[in-house]
Amino acid sequence: MRLEIRGLERLSFRERQVVALKETGANNETVARRLGLSPATVATLYTRAKSKGYQVVLVVEGDPLALFPGAEDGGDEEGTDGEA
C-alpha cells in the first residue's frame, strides 16, 4: 500500500510538508516540533492547503487486507491462482 497526494502542485512547499505529515497521522504538535513551527501555524497551513483542494488516495496493490477471497498479496489483477 502507498499513500498518494494529488494536487500537490497547487500547494506551497511548507503546505506540502504539513500535508504529508498530517495525512500520515501526525498531530499539529508533532508537525510543529518537526518543522520548527508553532501548532497554530501548522493549523493555518493545513487549513489553507485543504482549501486548495488536494486529494489523498490510498493505493492498494494485491490484497494485503485479505478482502477478496482467492486473491493473494501481489497476485495478478484477475484474481487467478496461476494454475494451468
PDB file of N, CA and C in Angstrom:
ATOM      1  N   MET A   1       0.843  -1.179   0.000  1.00  0.00           N
ATOM      2  CA  MET A   1       0.000   0.000   0.000  1.00  0.00           C
ATOM      3  C   MET A   1       0.887   1.240   0.000  1.00  0.00           C
ATOM      4  N   ARG A   2       0.380   2.266  -0.637  1.00  0.00           N
ATOM      5  CA  ARG A   2       1.084   3.540  -0.592  1.00  0.00           C
ATOM      6  C   ARG A   2       0.076   4.677  -0.578  1.00  0.00           C
ATOM      7  N   LEU A   3       0.486   5.790  -0.048  1.00  0.00           N
ATOM      8  CA  LEU A   3      -0.341   6.975   0.034  1.00  0.00           C
ATOM      9  C   LEU A   3       0.073   7.908  -1.086  1.00  0.00           C
ATOM     10  N   GLU A   4      -0.897   8.391  -1.833  1.00  0.00           N
ATOM     11  CA  GLU A   4      -0.626   9.313  -2.927  1.00  0.00           C
ATOM     12  C   GLU A   4      -1.391  10.596  -2.652  1.00  0.00           C
ATOM     13  N   ILE A   5      -0.720  11.733  -2.770  1.00  0.00           N
ATOM     14  CA  ILE A   5      -1.370  13.020  -2.559  1.00  0.00           C
ATOM     15  C   ILE A   5      -1.419  13.721  -3.903  1.00  0.00           C
ATOM     16  N   ARG A   6      -2.629  13.905  -4.407  1.00  0.00           N
ATOM     17  CA  ARG A   6      -2.816  14.530  -5.714  1.00  0.00           C
ATOM     18  C   ARG A   6      -3.126  16.014  -5.534  1.00  0.00           C
ATOM     19  N   GLY A   7      -2.596  16.826  -6.412  1.00  0.00           N
ATOM     20  CA  GLY A   7      -2.813  18.259  -6.348  1.00  0.00           C
ATOM     21  C   GLY A   7      -1.741  18.994  -5.576  1.00  0.00           C
ATOM     22  N   LEU A   8      -0.620  18.330  -5.290  1.00  0.00           N
ATOM     23  CA  LEU A   8       0.461  18.975  -4.547  1.00  0.00           C
ATOM     24  C   LEU A   8       1.030  20.191  -5.272  1.00  0.00           C
ATOM     25  N   GLU A   9       0.912  20.208  -6.594  1.00  0.00           N
ATOM     26  CA  GLU A   9       1.463  21.335  -7.351  1.00  0.00           C
ATOM     27  C   GLU A   9       0.775  22.653  -7.007  1.00  0.00           C
ATOM     28  N   ARG A  10      -0.418  22.578  -6.434  1.00  0.00           N
ATOM     29  CA  ARG A  10      -1.146  23.791  -6.031  1.00  0.00           C
ATOM     30  C   ARG A  10      -0.709  24.311  -4.662  1.00  0.00           C
ATOM     31  N   LEU A  11       0.090  23.521  -3.943  1.00  0.00           N
ATOM     32  CA  LEU A  11       0.466  23.880  -2.574  1.00  0.00           C
ATOM     33  C   LEU A  11       1.873  24.461  -2.512  1.00  0.00           C
ATOM     34  N   SER A  12       2.082  25.339  -1.524  1.00  0.00           N
ATOM     35  CA  SER A  12       3.433  25.851  -1.273  1.00  0.00           C
ATOM     36  C   SER A  12       4.286  24.717  -0.685  1.00  0.00           C
ATOM     37  N   PHE A  13       5.583  24.946  -0.654  1.00  0.00           N
ATOM     38  CA  PHE A  13       6.490  23.944  -0.096  1.00  0.00           C
ATOM     39  C   PHE A  13       6.110  23.616   1.351  1.00  0.00           C
ATOM     40  N   ARG A  14       5.875  24.641   2.168  1.00  0.00           N
ATOM     41  CA  ARG A  14       5.542  24.436   3.580  1.00  0.00           C
ATOM     42  C   ARG A  14       4.197  23.719   3.724  1.00  0.00           C
ATOM     43  N   GLU A  15       3.226  24.069   2.894  1.00  0.00           N
ATOM     44  CA  GLU A  15       1.935  23.371   2.918  1.00  0.00           C
ATOM     45  C   GLU A  15       2.121  21.898   2.566  1.00  0.00           C
ATOM     46  N   ARG A  16       2.983  21.609   1.609  1.00  0.00           N
ATOM     47  CA  ARG A  16       3.261  20.211   1.236  1.00  0.00           C
ATOM     48  C   ARG A  16       3.840  19.442   2.412  1.00  0.00           C
ATOM     49  N   GLN A  17       4.771  20.065   3.120  1.00  0.00           N
ATOM     50  CA  GLN A  17       5.364  19.403   4.282  1.00  0.00           C
ATOM     51  C   GLN A  17       4.299  19.093   5.329  1.00  0.00           C
ATOM     52  N   VAL A  18       3.475  20.079   5.627  1.00  0.00           N
ATOM     53  CA  VAL A  18       2.433  19.910   6.640  1.00  0.00           C
ATOM     54  C   VAL A  18       1.443  18.828   6.217  1.00  0.00           C
ATOM     55  N   VAL A  19       0.990  18.883   4.969  1.00  0.00           N
ATOM     56  CA  VAL A  19       0.027  17.897   4.468  1.00  0.00           C
ATOM     57  C   VAL A  19       0.607  16.490   4.546  1.00  0.00           C
ATOM     58  N   ALA A  20       1.846  16.313   4.107  1.00  0.00           N
ATOM     59  CA  ALA A  20       2.462  14.983   4.119  1.00  0.00           C
ATOM     60  C   ALA A  20       2.492  14.414   5.532  1.00  0.00           C
ATOM     61  N   LEU A  21       2.859  15.232   6.509  1.00  0.00           N
ATOM     62  CA  LEU A  21       2.924  14.749   7.891  1.00  0.00           C
ATOM     63  C   LEU A  21       1.534  14.536   8.489  1.00  0.00           C
ATOM     64  N   LYS A  22       0.630  15.481   8.263  1.00  0.00           N
ATOM     65  CA  LYS A  22      -0.721  15.362   8.823  1.00  0.00           C
ATOM     66  C   LYS A  22      -1.465  14.163   8.238  1.00  0.00           C
ATOM     67  N   GLU A  23      -1.343  13.944   6.947  1.00  0.00           N
ATOM     68  CA  GLU A  23      -2.076  12.857   6.297  1.00  0.00           C
ATOM     69  C   GLU A  23      -1.504  11.486   6.616  1.00  0.00           C
ATOM     70  N   THR A  24      -0.342  11.435   7.230  1.00  0.00           N
ATOM     71  CA  THR A  24       0.190  10.152   7.685  1.00  0.00           C
ATOM     72  C   THR A  24      -0.042   9.960   9.179  1.00  0.00           C
ATOM     73  N   GLY A  25      -0.853  10.852   9.779  1.00  0.00           N
ATOM     74  CA  GLY A  25      -1.295  10.637  11.149  1.00  0.00           C
ATOM     75  C   GLY A  25      -0.687  11.523  12.213  1.00  0.00           C
ATOM     76  N   ALA A  26       0.209  12.408  11.870  1.00  0.00           N
ATOM     77  CA  ALA A  26       0.829  13.275  12.884  1.00  0.00           C
ATOM     78  C   ALA A  26      -0.151  14.370  13.319  1.00  0.00           C
ATOM     79  N   ASN A  27      -0.114  14.711  14.592  1.00  0.00           N
ATOM     80  CA  ASN A  27      -0.968  15.810  15.073  1.00  0.00           C
ATOM     81  C   ASN A  27      -0.220  17.139  14.921  1.00  0.00           C
ATOM     82  N   ASN A  28      -0.929  18.245  15.166  1.00  0.00           N
ATOM     83  CA  ASN A  28      -0.336  19.573  14.971  1.00  0.00           C
ATOM     84  C   ASN A  28       0.926  19.780  15.800  1.00  0.00           C
ATOM     85  N   GLU A  29       0.930  19.304  17.030  1.00  0.00           N
ATOM     86  CA  GLU A  29       2.087  19.490  17.897  1.00  0.00           C
ATOM     87  C   GLU A  29       3.312  18.747  17.357  1.00  0.00           C
ATOM     88  N   THR A  30       3.113  17.536  16.892  1.00  0.00           N
ATOM     89  CA  THR A  30       4.205  16.741  16.327  1.00  0.00           C
ATOM     90  C   THR A  30       4.758  17.397  15.067  1.00  0.00           C
ATOM     91  N   VAL A  31       3.857  17.836  14.195  1.00  0.00           N
ATOM     92  CA  VAL A  31       4.276  18.505  12.966  1.00  0.00           C
ATOM     93  C   VAL A  31       5.039  19.787  13.304  1.00  0.00           C
ATOM     94  N   ALA A  32       4.519  20.546  14.263  1.00  0.00           N
ATOM     95  CA  ALA A  32       5.153  21.804  14.660  1.00  0.00           C
ATOM     96  C   ALA A  32       6.583  21.573  15.154  1.00  0.00           C
ATOM     97  N   ARG A  33       6.762  20.578  16.012  1.00  0.00           N
ATOM     98  CA  ARG A  33       8.111  20.270  16.518  1.00  0.00           C
ATOM     99  C   ARG A  33       9.043  19.873  15.379  1.00  0.00           C
ATOM    100  N   ARG A  34       8.548  19.031  14.510  1.00  0.00           N
ATOM    101  CA  ARG A  34       9.382  18.513  13.412  1.00  0.00           C
ATOM    102  C   ARG A  34       9.813  19.616  12.455  1.00  0.00           C
ATOM    103  N   LEU A  35       8.913  20.579  12.202  1.00  0.00           N
ATOM    104  CA  LEU A  35       9.205  21.629  11.222  1.00  0.00           C
ATOM    105  C   LEU A  35       9.669  22.940  11.845  1.00  0.00           C
ATOM    106  N   GLY A  36       9.704  22.993  13.168  1.00  0.00           N
ATOM    107  CA  GLY A  36      10.130  24.221  13.832  1.00  0.00           C
ATOM    108  C   GLY A  36       9.120  25.347  13.716  1.00  0.00           C
ATOM    109  N   LEU A  37       7.841  24.991  13.761  1.00  0.00           N
ATOM    110  CA  LEU A  37       6.748  25.952  13.659  1.00  0.00           C
ATOM    111  C   LEU A  37       5.904  25.901  14.917  1.00  0.00           C
ATOM    112  N   SER A  38       4.997  26.842  15.050  1.00  0.00           N
ATOM    113  CA  SER A  38       4.037  26.772  16.144  1.00  0.00           C
ATOM    114  C   SER A  38       2.856  25.898  15.700  1.00  0.00           C
ATOM    115  N   PRO A  39       2.153  25.267  16.654  1.00  0.00           N
ATOM    116  CA  PRO A  39       0.965  24.490  16.295  1.00  0.00           C
ATOM    117  C   PRO A  39      -0.092  25.332  15.576  1.00  0.00           C
ATOM    118  N   ALA A  40      -0.197  26.611  15.925  1.00  0.00           N
ATOM    119  CA  ALA A  40      -1.165  27.490  15.253  1.00  0.00           C
ATOM    120  C   ALA A  40      -0.800  27.688  13.784  1.00  0.00           C
ATOM    121  N   THR A  41       0.498  27.812  13.500  1.00  0.00           N
ATOM    122  CA  THR A  41       0.949  27.955  12.114  1.00  0.00           C
ATOM    123  C   THR A  41       0.681  26.682  11.328  1.00  0.00           C
ATOM    124  N   VAL A  42       0.898  25.544  11.956  1.00  0.00           N
ATOM    125  CA  VAL A  42       0.598  24.261  11.308  1.00  0.00           C
ATOM    126  C   VAL A  42      -0.886  24.194  10.962  1.00  0.00           C
ATOM    127  N   ALA A  43      -1.739  24.568  11.895  1.00  0.00           N
ATOM    128  CA  ALA A  43      -3.185  24.551  11.654  1.00  0.00           C
ATOM    129  C   ALA A  43      -3.560  25.469  10.494  1.00  0.00           C
ATOM    130  N   THR A  44      -2.960  26.649  10.454  1.00  0.00           N
ATOM    131  CA  THR A  44      -3.232  27.596   9.370  1.00  0.00           C
ATOM    132  C   THR A  44      -2.791  27.039   8.022  1.00  0.00           C
ATOM    133  N   LEU A  45      -1.583  26.482   7.977  1.00  0.00           N
ATOM    134  CA  LEU A  45      -1.075  25.911   6.727  1.00  0.00           C
ATOM    135  C   LEU A  45      -1.938  24.747   6.254  1.00  0.00           C
ATOM    136  N   TYR A  46      -2.370  23.923   7.185  1.00  0.00           N
ATOM    137  CA  TYR A  46      -3.197  22.767   6.832  1.00  0.00           C
ATOM    138  C   TYR A  46      -4.563  23.220   6.308  1.00  0.00           C
ATOM    139  N   THR A  47      -5.156  24.200   6.960  1.00  0.00           N
ATOM    140  CA  THR A  47      -6.448  24.733   6.517  1.00  0.00           C
ATOM    141  C   THR A  47      -6.313  25.362   5.125  1.00  0.00           C
ATOM    142  N   ARG A  48      -5.252  26.110   4.924  1.00  0.00           N
ATOM    143  CA  ARG A  48      -5.015  26.740   3.622  1.00  0.00           C
ATOM    144  C   ARG A  48      -4.832  25.668   2.545  1.00  0.00           C
ATOM    145  N   ALA A  49      -4.068  24.629   2.853  1.00  0.00           N
ATOM    146  CA  ALA A  49      -3.835  23.546   1.883  1.00  0.00           C
ATOM    147  C   ALA A  49      -5.147  22.842   1.535  1.00  0.00           C
ATOM    148  N   LYS A  50      -5.964  22.573   2.549  1.00  0.00           N
ATOM    149  CA  LYS A  50      -7.248  21.905   2.291  1.00  0.00           C
ATOM    150  C   LYS A  50      -8.140  22.759   1.389  1.00  0.00           C
ATOM    151  N   SER A  51      -8.084  24.069   1.546  1.00  0.00           N
ATOM    152  CA  SER A  51      -8.910  24.951   0.718  1.00  0.00           C
ATOM    153  C   SER A  51      -8.471  24.945  -0.744  1.00  0.00           C
ATOM    154  N   LYS A  52      -7.241  24.504  -1.001  1.00  0.00           N
ATOM    155  CA  LYS A  52      -6.725  24.434  -2.370  1.00  0.00           C
ATOM    156  C   LYS A  52      -7.102  23.125  -3.058  1.00  0.00           C
ATOM    157  N   GLY A  53      -7.716  22.211  -2.334  1.00  0.00           N
ATOM    158  CA  GLY A  53      -8.318  21.040  -2.942  1.00  0.00           C
ATOM    159  C   GLY A  53      -7.410  19.880  -3.311  1.00  0.00           C
ATOM    160  N   TYR A  54      -6.429  19.562  -2.494  1.00  0.00           N
ATOM    161  CA  TYR A  54      -5.645  18.359  -2.773  1.00  0.00           C
ATOM    162  C   TYR A  54      -6.476  17.127  -2.410  1.00  0.00           C
ATOM    163  N   GLN A  55      -6.064  15.964  -2.904  1.00  0.00           N
ATOM    164  CA  GLN A  55      -6.751  14.704  -2.593  1.00  0.00           C
ATOM    165  C   GLN A  55      -5.741  13.680  -2.124  1.00  0.00           C
ATOM    166  N   VAL A  56      -6.146  12.905  -1.125  1.00  0.00           N
ATOM    167  CA  VAL A  56      -5.311  11.811  -0.639  1.00  0.00           C
ATOM    168  C   VAL A  56      -5.918  10.512  -1.149  1.00  0.00           C
ATOM    169  N   VAL A  57      -5.075   9.704  -1.772  1.00  0.00           N
ATOM    170  CA  VAL A  57      -5.517   8.443  -2.347  1.00  0.00           C
ATOM    171  C   VAL A  57      -4.665   7.328  -1.759  1.00  0.00           C
ATOM    172  N   LEU A  58      -5.308   6.284  -1.263  1.00  0.00           N
ATOM    173  CA  LEU A  58      -4.612   5.101  -0.783  1.00  0.00           C
ATOM    174  C   LEU A  58      -4.581   4.100  -1.928  1.00  0.00           C
ATOM    175  N   VAL A  59      -3.388   3.753  -2.380  1.00  0.00           N
ATOM    176  CA  VAL A  59      -3.224   2.803  -3.475  1.00  0.00           C
ATOM    177  C   VAL A  59      -2.896   1.454  -2.859  1.00  0.00           C
ATOM    178  N   VAL A  60      -3.778   0.498  -3.082  1.00  0.00           N
ATOM    179  CA  VAL A  60      -3.616  -0.840  -2.523  1.00  0.00           C
ATOM    180  C   VAL A  60      -3.332  -1.793  -3.673  1.00  0.00           C
ATOM    181  N   GLU A  61      -2.204  -2.473  -3.606  1.00  0.00           N
ATOM    182  CA  GLU A  61      -1.826  -3.429  -4.636  1.00  0.00           C
ATOM    183  C   GLU A  61      -2.017  -4.834  -4.094  1.00  0.00           C
ATOM    184  N   GLY A  62      -2.578  -5.711  -4.908  1.00  0.00           N
ATOM    185  CA  GLY A  62      -2.846  -7.064  -4.441  1.00  0.00           C
ATOM    186  C   GLY A  62      -4.002  -7.057  -3.454  1.00  0.00           C
ATOM    187  N   ASP A  63      -3.919  -7.871  -2.425  1.00  0.00           N
ATOM    188  CA  ASP A  63      -4.972  -7.952  -1.411  1.00  0.00           C
ATOM    189  C   ASP A  63      -4.365  -8.030  -0.010  1.00  0.00           C
ATOM    190  N   PRO A  64      -3.587  -7.023   0.400  1.00  0.00           N
ATOM    191  CA  PRO A  64      -2.937  -7.083   1.708  1.00  0.00           C
ATOM    192  C   PRO A  64      -3.916  -7.020   2.873  1.00  0.00           C
ATOM    193  N   LEU A  65      -5.148  -6.603   2.600  1.00  0.00           N
ATOM    194  CA  LEU A  65      -6.152  -6.518   3.661  1.00  0.00           C
ATOM    195  C   LEU A  65      -7.034  -7.766   3.726  1.00  0.00           C
ATOM    196  N   ALA A  66      -6.734  -8.741   2.878  1.00  0.00           N
ATOM    197  CA  ALA A  66      -7.475 -10.005   2.834  1.00  0.00           C
ATOM    198  C   ALA A  66      -8.972  -9.778   2.682  1.00  0.00           C
ATOM    199  N   LEU A  67      -9.342  -8.952   1.707  1.00  0.00           N
ATOM    200  CA  LEU A  67     -10.746  -8.633   1.480  1.00  0.00           C
ATOM    201  C   LEU A  67     -11.378  -9.428   0.346  1.00  0.00           C
ATOM    202  N   PHE A  68     -10.553 -10.007  -0.529  1.00  0.00           N
ATOM    203  CA  PHE A  68     -11.083 -10.682  -1.697  1.00  0.00           C
ATOM    204  C   PHE A  68     -10.649 -12.142  -1.711  1.00  0.00           C
ATOM    205  N   PRO A  69     -11.584 -13.073  -1.541  1.00  0.00           N
ATOM    206  CA  PRO A  69     -11.238 -14.498  -1.500  1.00  0.00           C
ATOM    207  C   PRO A  69     -10.511 -14.931  -2.772  1.00  0.00           C
ATOM    208  N   GLY A  70      -9.468 -15.693  -2.603  1.00  0.00           N
ATOM    209  CA  GLY A  70      -8.724 -16.223  -3.732  1.00  0.00           C
ATOM    210  C   GLY A  70      -7.619 -15.312  -4.235  1.00  0.00           C
ATOM    211  N   ALA A  71      -7.662 -14.042  -3.858  1.00  0.00           N
ATOM    212  CA  ALA A  71      -6.599 -13.126  -4.283  1.00  0.00           C
ATOM    213  C   ALA A  71      -5.445 -13.219  -3.297  1.00  0.00           C
ATOM    214  N   GLU A  72      -4.251 -13.062  -3.795  1.00  0.00           N
ATOM    215  CA  GLU A  72      -3.066 -13.095  -2.939  1.00  0.00           C
ATOM    216  C   GLU A  72      -2.385 -11.748  -3.019  1.00  0.00           C
ATOM    217  N   ASP A  73      -1.668 -11.371  -1.982  1.00  0.00           N
ATOM    218  CA  ASP A  73      -0.898 -10.137  -1.996  1.00  0.00           C
ATOM    219  C   ASP A  73       0.114 -10.213  -3.124  1.00  0.00           C
ATOM    220  N   GLY A  74       0.030  -9.237  -4.035  1.00  0.00           N
ATOM    221  CA  GLY A  74       0.962  -9.218  -5.152  1.00  0.00           C
ATOM    222  C   GLY A  74       0.543 -10.111  -6.303  1.00  0.00           C
ATOM    223  N   GLY A  75      -0.643 -10.732  -6.221  1.00  0.00           N
ATOM    224  CA  GLY A  75      -1.111 -11.602  -7.292  1.00  0.00           C
ATOM    225  C   GLY A  75      -1.512 -10.804  -8.510  1.00  0.00           C
ATOM    226  N   ASP A  76      -1.902 -11.512  -9.579  1.00  0.00           N
ATOM    227  CA  ASP A  76      -2.293 -10.789 -10.780  1.00  0.00           C
ATOM    228  C   ASP A  76      -3.650 -10.126 -10.574  1.00  0.00           C
ATOM    229  N   GLU A  77      -3.991  -9.238 -11.489  1.00  0.00           N
ATOM    230  CA  GLU A  77      -5.170  -8.405 -11.320  1.00  0.00           C
ATOM    231  C   GLU A  77      -6.470  -9.162 -11.528  1.00  0.00           C
ATOM    232  N   GLU A  78      -6.447 -10.310 -12.209  1.00  0.00           N
ATOM    233  CA  GLU A  78      -7.674 -11.030 -12.487  1.00  0.00           C
ATOM    234  C   GLU A  78      -8.058 -11.988 -11.361  1.00  0.00           C
ATOM    235  N   GLY A  79      -7.225 -12.123 -10.355  1.00  0.00           N
ATOM    236  CA  GLY A  79      -7.551 -12.959  -9.214  1.00  0.00           C
ATOM    237  C   GLY A  79      -7.365 -14.440  -9.438  1.00  0.00           C
ATOM    238  N   THR A  80      -6.677 -14.839 -10.507  1.00  0.00           N
ATOM    239  CA  THR A  80      -6.438 -16.257 -10.740  1.00  0.00           C
ATOM    240  C   THR A  80      -5.284 -16.707  -9.870  1.00  0.00           C
ATOM    241  N   ASP A  81      -5.219 -17.995  -9.611  1.00  0.00           N
ATOM    242  CA  ASP A  81      -4.169 -18.518  -8.744  1.00  0.00           C
ATOM    243  C   ASP A  81      -2.945 -19.005  -9.516  1.00  0.00           C
ATOM    244  N   GLY A  82      -2.946 -18.826 -10.840  1.00  0.00           N
ATOM    245  CA  GLY A  82      -1.769 -19.178 -11.635  1.00  0.00           C
ATOM    246  C   GLY A  82      -1.737 -20.622 -12.086  1.00  0.00           C
ATOM    247  N   GLU A  83      -2.770 -21.411 -11.763  1.00  0.00           N
ATOM    248  CA  GLU A  83      -2.788 -22.819 -12.187  1.00  0.00           C
ATOM    249  C   GLU A  83      -3.207 -22.903 -13.641  1.00  0.00           C
ATOM    250  N   ALA A  84      -2.643 -23.865 -14.376  1.00  0.00           N
ATOM    251  CA  ALA A  84      -2.999 -24.042 -15.795  1.00  0.00           C
ATOM    252  C   ALA A  84      -4.046 -25.094 -15.955  1.00  0.00           C
TER     253      ALA A  84
END
